[in-house]
């Protein structure tokens, strides 16, 4: 267990560049991490399922993102002793506690996509 002396900041503070909280925020700010947590909130999945369901993610990026999420305690990896090998990923309790705000963010984007698209067009028109 880490002691307060192990942290470069006294309290968790995402605005402090030296605080470990910033590194966690960096992991979660990745689009693939957000999408994976949202998808895994529905239940465990194999890598092949995740690739099919999350359009545009490469195998390499999928594995890298799953490993970062696992390292930070959001995702659990379960390998089954079968032939051929089978591996499933699921949210840990910590990851499950994160799924609600991420799902809300995804829904907010979907609900406001037309407004955002209009704002971008207007900005680009003025900038041209």
N, C-alpha and C. Protein backbone atom coordinates (compact mmCIF):
# COMPACT_ATOMS: atom_id res chain seq x y z
N UNK A 1 0.84 -1.18 0.00
CA UNK A 1 0.00 0.00 0.00
C UNK A 1 0.89 1.25 0.00
N UNK A 2 0.49 2.21 -0.80
CA UNK A 2 1.26 3.45 -0.87
C UNK A 2 0.99 4.34 0.33
N UNK A 3 2.03 4.98 0.79
CA UNK A 3 1.91 5.93 1.90
C UNK A 3 1.87 7.33 1.32
N UNK A 4 1.34 8.31 2.04
CA UNK A 4 1.32 9.68 1.53
C UNK A 4 2.67 10.16 1.03
N UNK A 5 3.75 9.69 1.62
CA UNK A 5 5.09 10.12 1.18
C UNK A 5 5.41 9.60 -0.22
N UNK A 6 4.70 8.54 -0.68
CA UNK A 6 4.93 7.98 -2.00
C UNK A 6 4.31 8.83 -3.11
N UNK A 7 3.44 9.74 -2.77
CA UNK A 7 2.77 10.58 -3.75
C UNK A 7 3.47 11.92 -3.86
N UNK A 8 3.61 12.45 -5.07
CA UNK A 8 4.22 13.78 -5.21
C UNK A 8 3.23 14.91 -4.89
N UNK A 9 2.04 14.58 -4.44
CA UNK A 9 1.06 15.60 -4.04
C UNK A 9 0.40 15.13 -2.75
N UNK A 10 -0.03 16.08 -1.95
CA UNK A 10 -0.64 15.73 -0.65
C UNK A 10 -2.06 15.19 -0.81
N UNK A 11 -2.81 15.73 -1.75
CA UNK A 11 -4.17 15.29 -2.02
C UNK A 11 -4.31 15.04 -3.51
N UNK A 12 -5.19 14.13 -3.87
CA UNK A 12 -5.44 13.88 -5.29
C UNK A 12 -5.92 15.16 -5.94
N UNK A 13 -5.24 15.54 -7.02
CA UNK A 13 -5.55 16.80 -7.69
C UNK A 13 -5.20 16.66 -9.17
N UNK A 14 -6.21 16.55 -10.02
CA UNK A 14 -5.96 16.35 -11.46
C UNK A 14 -5.33 17.57 -12.11
N UNK A 15 -5.37 18.72 -11.46
CA UNK A 15 -4.75 19.93 -12.02
C UNK A 15 -3.26 20.00 -11.74
N UNK A 16 -2.76 19.17 -10.82
CA UNK A 16 -1.35 19.11 -10.49
C UNK A 16 -0.67 18.12 -11.42
N UNK A 17 0.21 18.60 -12.29
CA UNK A 17 0.86 17.76 -13.29
C UNK A 17 1.69 16.64 -12.67
N UNK A 18 2.14 16.79 -11.43
CA UNK A 18 2.96 15.78 -10.78
C UNK A 18 2.16 14.76 -9.97
N UNK A 19 0.88 14.95 -9.88
CA UNK A 19 0.03 14.08 -9.07
C UNK A 19 -0.39 12.84 -9.87
N UNK A 20 -0.36 11.66 -9.25
CA UNK A 20 -0.79 10.44 -9.95
C UNK A 20 -2.23 10.51 -10.46
N UNK A 21 -3.05 11.38 -9.87
CA UNK A 21 -4.43 11.53 -10.35
C UNK A 21 -4.44 11.96 -11.81
N UNK A 22 -3.46 12.74 -12.22
CA UNK A 22 -3.38 13.20 -13.62
C UNK A 22 -3.15 12.00 -14.54
N UNK A 23 -2.30 11.07 -14.13
CA UNK A 23 -2.03 9.89 -14.96
C UNK A 23 -3.28 9.03 -15.13
N UNK A 24 -4.08 8.91 -14.07
CA UNK A 24 -5.33 8.16 -14.17
C UNK A 24 -6.28 8.87 -15.13
N UNK A 25 -6.37 10.17 -15.01
CA UNK A 25 -7.22 10.93 -15.92
C UNK A 25 -6.75 10.78 -17.36
N UNK A 26 -5.45 10.76 -17.57
CA UNK A 26 -4.90 10.55 -18.92
C UNK A 26 -5.36 9.21 -19.49
N UNK A 27 -5.34 8.16 -18.69
CA UNK A 27 -5.79 6.84 -19.14
C UNK A 27 -7.26 6.89 -19.53
N UNK A 28 -8.07 7.51 -18.69
CA UNK A 28 -9.51 7.53 -18.93
C UNK A 28 -9.92 8.49 -20.04
N UNK A 29 -9.08 9.44 -20.37
CA UNK A 29 -9.42 10.42 -21.40
C UNK A 29 -9.25 9.86 -22.81
N UNK A 30 -8.66 8.69 -22.94
CA UNK A 30 -8.50 8.08 -24.25
C UNK A 30 -9.86 7.59 -24.76
N UNK A 31 -10.15 7.85 -26.03
CA UNK A 31 -11.45 7.46 -26.58
C UNK A 31 -11.68 5.97 -26.49
N UNK A 32 -10.63 5.17 -26.72
CA UNK A 32 -10.83 3.73 -26.68
C UNK A 32 -11.14 3.26 -25.26
N UNK A 33 -10.53 3.87 -24.27
CA UNK A 33 -10.80 3.49 -22.88
C UNK A 33 -12.26 3.78 -22.54
N UNK A 34 -12.74 4.94 -22.94
CA UNK A 34 -14.14 5.29 -22.67
C UNK A 34 -15.08 4.31 -23.34
N UNK A 35 -14.81 3.98 -24.59
CA UNK A 35 -15.67 3.06 -25.32
C UNK A 35 -15.61 1.64 -24.74
N UNK A 36 -14.43 1.21 -24.33
CA UNK A 36 -14.31 -0.13 -23.75
C UNK A 36 -15.04 -0.23 -22.42
N UNK A 37 -14.91 0.77 -21.57
CA UNK A 37 -15.62 0.73 -20.29
C UNK A 37 -17.13 0.72 -20.54
N UNK A 38 -17.59 1.55 -21.47
CA UNK A 38 -19.01 1.60 -21.80
C UNK A 38 -19.48 0.23 -22.28
N UNK A 39 -18.72 -0.39 -23.20
CA UNK A 39 -19.12 -1.70 -23.74
C UNK A 39 -19.07 -2.78 -22.66
N UNK A 40 -18.02 -2.80 -21.85
CA UNK A 40 -17.89 -3.84 -20.83
C UNK A 40 -18.92 -3.70 -19.71
N UNK A 41 -19.55 -2.54 -19.61
CA UNK A 41 -20.63 -2.38 -18.63
C UNK A 41 -21.79 -3.32 -18.94
N UNK A 42 -21.90 -3.75 -20.19
CA UNK A 42 -22.96 -4.69 -20.59
C UNK A 42 -22.63 -6.12 -20.23
N UNK A 43 -21.36 -6.39 -19.91
CA UNK A 43 -20.97 -7.75 -19.55
C UNK A 43 -19.62 -8.12 -20.13
N UNK A 44 -19.07 -9.26 -19.67
CA UNK A 44 -17.76 -9.70 -20.13
C UNK A 44 -17.75 -9.92 -21.64
N UNK A 45 -16.55 -9.80 -22.22
CA UNK A 45 -16.41 -10.00 -23.66
C UNK A 45 -15.00 -10.46 -23.99
N UNK A 46 -14.90 -11.19 -25.08
CA UNK A 46 -13.61 -11.61 -25.62
C UNK A 46 -13.09 -10.49 -26.52
N UNK A 47 -11.80 -10.54 -26.80
CA UNK A 47 -11.21 -9.48 -27.64
C UNK A 47 -11.86 -9.44 -29.02
N UNK A 48 -12.17 -10.59 -29.59
CA UNK A 48 -12.79 -10.60 -30.92
C UNK A 48 -14.16 -9.91 -30.90
N UNK A 49 -14.92 -10.12 -29.83
CA UNK A 49 -16.22 -9.44 -29.70
C UNK A 49 -16.03 -7.93 -29.59
N UNK A 50 -15.07 -7.54 -28.76
CA UNK A 50 -14.82 -6.11 -28.56
C UNK A 50 -14.41 -5.43 -29.87
N UNK A 51 -13.56 -6.09 -30.65
CA UNK A 51 -13.14 -5.51 -31.94
C UNK A 51 -14.32 -5.36 -32.88
N UNK A 52 -15.21 -6.34 -32.91
CA UNK A 52 -16.39 -6.26 -33.79
C UNK A 52 -17.33 -5.15 -33.35
N UNK A 53 -17.47 -4.97 -32.05
CA UNK A 53 -18.46 -4.04 -31.52
C UNK A 53 -17.97 -2.61 -31.41
N UNK A 54 -16.66 -2.41 -31.40
CA UNK A 54 -16.10 -1.06 -31.29
C UNK A 54 -15.42 -0.74 -32.62
N UNK A 55 -16.15 -0.11 -33.48
CA UNK A 55 -15.66 0.17 -34.82
C UNK A 55 -14.40 1.01 -34.83
N UNK A 56 -13.43 0.60 -35.67
CA UNK A 56 -12.23 1.39 -35.88
C UNK A 56 -11.05 1.07 -34.99
N UNK A 57 -11.23 0.27 -33.98
CA UNK A 57 -10.11 -0.04 -33.08
C UNK A 57 -9.28 -1.17 -33.66
N UNK A 58 -7.97 -1.00 -33.67
CA UNK A 58 -7.08 -2.05 -34.16
C UNK A 58 -6.84 -3.07 -33.04
N UNK A 59 -6.38 -4.24 -33.43
CA UNK A 59 -6.06 -5.28 -32.45
C UNK A 59 -5.01 -4.78 -31.46
N UNK A 60 -3.97 -4.11 -31.98
CA UNK A 60 -2.89 -3.60 -31.14
C UNK A 60 -3.41 -2.57 -30.14
N UNK A 61 -4.21 -1.63 -30.60
CA UNK A 61 -4.75 -0.59 -29.71
C UNK A 61 -5.71 -1.18 -28.69
N UNK A 62 -6.49 -2.16 -29.10
CA UNK A 62 -7.42 -2.83 -28.19
C UNK A 62 -6.65 -3.47 -27.04
N UNK A 63 -5.63 -4.24 -27.37
CA UNK A 63 -4.85 -4.93 -26.33
C UNK A 63 -4.13 -3.93 -25.44
N UNK A 64 -3.52 -2.89 -26.02
CA UNK A 64 -2.82 -1.88 -25.22
C UNK A 64 -3.78 -1.18 -24.26
N UNK A 65 -4.96 -0.84 -24.75
CA UNK A 65 -5.93 -0.13 -23.90
C UNK A 65 -6.46 -1.04 -22.80
N UNK A 66 -6.75 -2.29 -23.14
CA UNK A 66 -7.21 -3.23 -22.13
C UNK A 66 -6.15 -3.42 -21.04
N UNK A 67 -4.90 -3.48 -21.43
CA UNK A 67 -3.81 -3.64 -20.44
C UNK A 67 -3.71 -2.42 -19.53
N UNK A 68 -3.83 -1.22 -20.11
CA UNK A 68 -3.79 -0.01 -19.27
C UNK A 68 -4.97 0.01 -18.30
N UNK A 69 -6.14 -0.36 -18.79
CA UNK A 69 -7.32 -0.39 -17.91
C UNK A 69 -7.16 -1.46 -16.83
N UNK A 70 -6.58 -2.59 -17.19
CA UNK A 70 -6.33 -3.65 -16.21
C UNK A 70 -5.31 -3.19 -15.17
N UNK A 71 -4.24 -2.57 -15.62
CA UNK A 71 -3.19 -2.09 -14.70
C UNK A 71 -3.74 -1.09 -13.69
N UNK A 72 -4.70 -0.28 -14.11
CA UNK A 72 -5.27 0.74 -13.22
C UNK A 72 -6.46 0.22 -12.42
N UNK A 73 -6.79 -1.05 -12.56
CA UNK A 73 -7.82 -1.66 -11.73
C UNK A 73 -9.24 -1.53 -12.25
N UNK A 74 -9.43 -1.12 -13.50
CA UNK A 74 -10.77 -0.95 -14.05
C UNK A 74 -11.30 -2.20 -14.74
N UNK A 75 -10.38 -3.02 -15.24
CA UNK A 75 -10.75 -4.20 -16.02
C UNK A 75 -10.05 -5.43 -15.45
N UNK A 76 -10.74 -6.55 -15.48
CA UNK A 76 -10.15 -7.83 -15.07
C UNK A 76 -10.04 -8.72 -16.30
N UNK A 77 -8.94 -9.44 -16.38
CA UNK A 77 -8.68 -10.38 -17.48
C UNK A 77 -8.81 -11.79 -16.92
N UNK A 78 -9.63 -12.61 -17.56
CA UNK A 78 -9.81 -14.00 -17.13
C UNK A 78 -9.41 -14.92 -18.28
N UNK A 79 -8.34 -15.69 -18.07
CA UNK A 79 -7.89 -16.66 -19.06
C UNK A 79 -8.42 -18.03 -18.65
N UNK A 80 -9.03 -18.73 -19.59
CA UNK A 80 -9.59 -20.06 -19.33
C UNK A 80 -8.64 -21.13 -19.88
N UNK A 81 -8.40 -22.19 -19.12
CA UNK A 81 -7.48 -23.24 -19.56
C UNK A 81 -8.15 -24.16 -20.57
N UNK A 82 -8.34 -23.65 -21.78
CA UNK A 82 -9.01 -24.40 -22.83
C UNK A 82 -8.13 -24.41 -24.08
N UNK A 83 -8.46 -25.29 -25.00
CA UNK A 83 -7.79 -25.31 -26.30
C UNK A 83 -8.89 -25.13 -27.35
N UNK A 84 -8.83 -24.08 -28.15
CA UNK A 84 -7.86 -22.99 -28.10
C UNK A 84 -8.09 -22.10 -26.88
N UNK A 85 -7.06 -21.34 -26.50
CA UNK A 85 -7.18 -20.48 -25.32
C UNK A 85 -8.32 -19.48 -25.46
N UNK A 86 -8.97 -19.20 -24.35
CA UNK A 86 -10.06 -18.22 -24.34
C UNK A 86 -9.78 -17.22 -23.23
N UNK A 87 -9.90 -15.93 -23.57
CA UNK A 87 -9.68 -14.86 -22.60
C UNK A 87 -10.89 -13.94 -22.65
N UNK A 88 -11.40 -13.59 -21.48
CA UNK A 88 -12.51 -12.64 -21.39
C UNK A 88 -12.09 -11.47 -20.52
N UNK A 89 -12.65 -10.33 -20.85
CA UNK A 89 -12.42 -9.11 -20.07
C UNK A 89 -13.75 -8.67 -19.47
N UNK A 90 -13.68 -8.17 -18.25
CA UNK A 90 -14.87 -7.65 -17.59
C UNK A 90 -14.47 -6.46 -16.71
N UNK A 91 -15.45 -5.70 -16.31
CA UNK A 91 -15.18 -4.58 -15.42
C UNK A 91 -15.01 -5.09 -14.00
N UNK A 92 -14.09 -4.51 -13.28
CA UNK A 92 -13.96 -4.75 -11.85
C UNK A 92 -15.02 -3.88 -11.16
N UNK A 93 -15.20 -4.03 -9.86
CA UNK A 93 -16.12 -3.11 -9.16
C UNK A 93 -15.74 -1.64 -9.37
N UNK A 94 -14.43 -1.36 -9.39
CA UNK A 94 -13.98 0.01 -9.63
C UNK A 94 -14.39 0.46 -11.03
N UNK A 95 -14.18 -0.39 -12.03
CA UNK A 95 -14.57 -0.07 -13.40
C UNK A 95 -16.07 0.09 -13.54
N UNK A 96 -16.83 -0.76 -12.84
CA UNK A 96 -18.29 -0.66 -12.88
C UNK A 96 -18.76 0.67 -12.30
N UNK A 97 -18.06 1.16 -11.27
CA UNK A 97 -18.45 2.45 -10.69
C UNK A 97 -18.18 3.60 -11.66
N UNK A 98 -17.32 3.37 -12.61
CA UNK A 98 -16.99 4.38 -13.62
C UNK A 98 -17.92 4.32 -14.83
N UNK A 99 -18.57 3.19 -15.02
CA UNK A 99 -19.37 3.01 -16.24
C UNK A 99 -20.55 3.98 -16.34
N UNK A 100 -21.18 4.32 -15.24
CA UNK A 100 -22.33 5.23 -15.31
C UNK A 100 -21.95 6.62 -15.84
N UNK A 101 -20.93 7.28 -15.27
CA UNK A 101 -20.59 8.59 -15.83
C UNK A 101 -20.13 8.52 -17.28
N UNK A 102 -19.44 7.45 -17.66
CA UNK A 102 -18.99 7.32 -19.05
C UNK A 102 -20.19 7.12 -19.97
N UNK A 103 -21.13 6.29 -19.57
CA UNK A 103 -22.33 6.08 -20.38
C UNK A 103 -23.11 7.38 -20.51
N UNK A 104 -23.20 8.15 -19.44
CA UNK A 104 -23.88 9.45 -19.51
C UNK A 104 -23.18 10.39 -20.47
N UNK A 105 -21.84 10.40 -20.45
CA UNK A 105 -21.08 11.24 -21.37
C UNK A 105 -21.34 10.82 -22.81
N UNK A 106 -21.32 9.52 -23.09
CA UNK A 106 -21.59 9.02 -24.44
C UNK A 106 -22.98 9.44 -24.90
N UNK A 107 -23.96 9.30 -24.03
CA UNK A 107 -25.34 9.70 -24.39
C UNK A 107 -25.43 11.20 -24.62
N UNK A 108 -24.73 12.00 -23.80
CA UNK A 108 -24.73 13.45 -23.98
C UNK A 108 -24.20 13.80 -25.37
N UNK A 109 -23.09 13.16 -25.77
CA UNK A 109 -22.51 13.42 -27.10
C UNK A 109 -23.53 13.08 -28.18
N UNK A 110 -24.16 11.93 -28.07
CA UNK A 110 -25.14 11.52 -29.08
C UNK A 110 -26.32 12.50 -29.15
N UNK A 111 -26.79 12.96 -28.00
CA UNK A 111 -27.92 13.89 -27.95
C UNK A 111 -27.58 15.27 -28.49
N UNK A 112 -26.32 15.68 -28.38
CA UNK A 112 -25.92 17.02 -28.78
C UNK A 112 -25.08 17.05 -30.06
N UNK A 113 -25.03 15.94 -30.76
CA UNK A 113 -24.19 15.86 -31.95
C UNK A 113 -24.59 16.89 -33.01
N UNK A 114 -25.87 17.10 -33.23
CA UNK A 114 -26.29 18.10 -34.23
C UNK A 114 -25.83 19.50 -33.82
N UNK A 115 -25.96 19.85 -32.55
CA UNK A 115 -25.52 21.17 -32.08
C UNK A 115 -24.01 21.34 -32.25
N UNK A 116 -23.28 20.29 -31.94
CA UNK A 116 -21.81 20.34 -32.06
C UNK A 116 -21.41 20.47 -33.52
N UNK A 117 -22.06 19.70 -34.37
CA UNK A 117 -21.77 19.76 -35.81
C UNK A 117 -22.08 21.14 -36.36
N UNK A 118 -23.20 21.72 -35.96
CA UNK A 118 -23.55 23.08 -36.40
C UNK A 118 -22.53 24.10 -35.92
N UNK A 119 -22.09 23.97 -34.68
CA UNK A 119 -21.09 24.90 -34.14
C UNK A 119 -19.78 24.80 -34.91
N UNK A 120 -19.37 23.59 -35.27
CA UNK A 120 -18.14 23.40 -36.04
C UNK A 120 -18.27 24.03 -37.42
N UNK A 121 -19.41 23.81 -38.07
CA UNK A 121 -19.62 24.41 -39.40
C UNK A 121 -19.57 25.93 -39.33
N UNK A 122 -20.22 26.50 -38.31
CA UNK A 122 -20.25 27.95 -38.16
C UNK A 122 -18.85 28.48 -37.89
N UNK A 123 -18.11 27.83 -37.04
CA UNK A 123 -16.72 28.22 -36.75
C UNK A 123 -15.88 28.19 -38.03
N UNK A 124 -15.97 27.08 -38.76
CA UNK A 124 -15.20 26.93 -40.00
C UNK A 124 -15.60 27.98 -41.03
N UNK A 125 -16.89 28.31 -41.10
CA UNK A 125 -17.36 29.34 -42.04
C UNK A 125 -16.74 30.68 -41.70
N UNK A 126 -16.73 31.03 -40.39
CA UNK A 126 -16.16 32.31 -39.97
C UNK A 126 -14.64 32.34 -40.16
N UNK A 127 -14.00 31.21 -39.98
CA UNK A 127 -12.54 31.16 -40.10
C UNK A 127 -12.05 31.21 -41.55
N UNK A 128 -12.95 30.84 -42.47
CA UNK A 128 -12.55 30.78 -43.90
C UNK A 128 -12.44 32.14 -44.52
